[in-house]
């Protein structure tokens, strides 16, 4: 598990929520909460903010400190635009339809840290 996954589970239990209850409060599927707590995926920025608000903590540093894993196609764009503004990088990724809900957080981390590894 990841540091984020461990912290999420700990905070959820501290606040007395089951996975089902937290999912219900957030308006998402319990499988999403399970996947977050088991380090399978990170929540989207929308859900990351909701988790922080509900569980009264900022989880973002736990995720930003880890190294992003991106596809080869995304890595090529990141390398090509490494010294450009984040908005330019995101536009290029969107134009090529390489960014989606499943990978957006990893891409944001890679852009923020200017480092990544390829899947």
Foldseek 3Di string as FASTA:
>chain_A
DAPLLVVLVVLCVVVPHDLCRVCVVVVHDSVVNVCSNVVNAPAFPVVQVVSCVVSVHRSVVSVLPDAFEFAPVLVVLCVVCVPPDPVVSVVVCVVVVNDDRRRPVSSVSCNVVVGHHYD
